[in-house]
Amino acid sequence: MIEHWGIQVARVEEVEAFDQDDGKVSTARSKMIKLKKASIRARMEHVFRVIKRQLGYTKVRYKGIAKNAARVFLLIGLTNLYLARRALMS
């Protein structure tokens, strides 16, 4: 593991070695890496679920990159507020 800006990061060789599923019995280290990847993936997918389901952004509605970018930035800001609502209310 390498520390990068205060975050523990696995070396590329370590991640590539565990991405290959060759049917062998998983070791404790590979399970730890898979668990870490799954937790990061779950946090990211949760944000997109909020944007799509709670805020209704499933299709692009406007012509032009600027209009769509403005809408996405607004939705991302609203998602941050939605996910932090409990901390903000207390």
Protein backbone atom coordinates (compact mmCIF):
# COMPACT_ATOMS: atom_id res chain seq x y z
CA MET A 1 0.00 0.00 0.00
CA ILE A 2 1.12 3.51 -0.80
CA GLU A 3 -0.06 6.63 0.99
CA HIS A 4 -1.13 9.37 -1.41
CA TRP A 5 -2.42 12.65 0.07
CA GLY A 6 -3.32 10.88 3.31
CA ILE A 7 -5.25 8.08 1.56
CA GLN A 8 -4.05 4.48 1.48
CA VAL A 9 -3.79 3.39 -2.16
CA ALA A 10 -2.94 -0.09 -3.42
CA ARG A 11 -0.16 -0.43 -5.96
CA VAL A 12 -1.34 -1.04 -9.52
CA GLU A 13 0.30 -4.46 -9.56
CA GLU A 14 -1.62 -5.49 -6.43
CA VAL A 15 -4.97 -4.41 -7.84
CA GLU A 16 -4.36 -6.03 -11.23
CA ALA A 17 -3.35 -9.28 -9.55
CA PHE A 18 -6.64 -9.42 -7.67
CA ASP A 19 -8.83 -8.31 -10.59
CA GLN A 20 -8.12 -11.56 -12.42
CA ASP A 21 -10.61 -14.19 -11.34
CA ASP A 22 -8.92 -17.48 -12.12
CA GLY A 23 -11.06 -19.63 -9.83
CA LYS A 24 -8.48 -19.96 -7.06
CA VAL A 25 -9.38 -19.67 -3.41
CA SER A 26 -9.29 -16.02 -2.35
CA THR A 27 -6.81 -15.03 0.28
CA ALA A 28 -7.58 -12.68 3.15
CA ARG A 29 -5.67 -9.89 1.40
CA SER A 30 -7.69 -10.25 -1.80
CA LYS A 31 -10.92 -10.22 0.19
CA MET A 32 -9.79 -7.03 1.91
CA ILE A 33 -9.06 -5.36 -1.44
CA LYS A 34 -12.38 -6.50 -2.90
CA LEU A 35 -14.22 -5.17 0.15
CA LYS A 36 -12.46 -1.80 -0.17
CA LYS A 37 -13.33 -1.58 -3.87
CA ALA A 38 -16.95 -2.51 -3.18
CA SER A 39 -17.31 0.14 -0.48
CA ILE A 40 -15.93 2.85 -2.79
CA ARG A 41 -18.16 1.69 -5.63
CA ALA A 42 -21.22 1.69 -3.36
CA ARG A 43 -20.58 5.26 -2.21
CA MET A 44 -20.26 6.49 -5.80
CA GLU A 45 -23.29 4.61 -7.06
CA HIS A 46 -25.39 5.97 -4.19
CA VAL A 47 -24.75 9.53 -5.38
CA PHE A 48 -25.92 8.66 -8.89
CA ARG A 49 -29.00 6.93 -7.49
CA VAL A 50 -29.96 10.10 -5.67
CA ILE A 51 -29.46 12.17 -8.82
CA LYS A 52 -31.54 9.80 -10.94
CA ARG A 53 -34.31 8.73 -8.55
CA GLN A 54 -34.72 11.53 -6.03
CA LEU A 55 -34.04 14.44 -8.40
CA GLY A 56 -35.38 12.90 -11.61
CA TYR A 57 -32.37 13.32 -13.90
CA THR A 58 -32.67 10.40 -16.29
CA LYS A 59 -32.62 12.12 -19.69
CA VAL A 60 -30.85 15.11 -21.19
CA ARG A 61 -33.50 17.73 -21.90
CA TYR A 62 -31.66 20.66 -23.46
CA LYS A 63 -29.59 21.18 -26.59
CA GLY A 64 -26.15 22.48 -25.83
CA ILE A 65 -23.40 21.49 -23.49
CA ALA A 66 -23.59 24.60 -21.31
CA LYS A 67 -27.26 24.13 -20.39
CA ASN A 68 -26.87 20.46 -19.58
CA ALA A 69 -23.67 21.09 -17.63
CA ALA A 70 -25.40 23.80 -15.60
CA ARG A 71 -28.24 21.42 -14.76
CA VAL A 72 -25.87 18.61 -13.75
CA PHE A 73 -23.83 20.96 -11.53
CA LEU A 74 -27.04 22.13 -9.87
CA LEU A 75 -28.16 18.54 -9.29
CA ILE A 76 -24.78 17.55 -7.85
CA GLY A 77 -24.98 20.47 -5.42
CA LEU A 78 -28.51 19.48 -4.42
CA THR A 79 -27.36 15.88 -3.98
CA ASN A 80 -24.64 17.03 -1.58
CA LEU A 81 -27.28 18.86 0.46
CA TYR A 82 -29.62 15.85 0.33
CA LEU A 83 -26.93 13.44 1.54
CA ALA A 84 -25.80 15.82 4.32
CA ARG A 85 -29.34 16.73 5.45
CA ARG A 86 -29.11 14.93 8.80
CA ALA A 87 -25.84 16.61 9.71
CA LEU A 88 -27.17 20.01 8.64
CA MET A 89 -30.38 19.69 10.68
CA SER A 90 -28.68 18.71 13.92
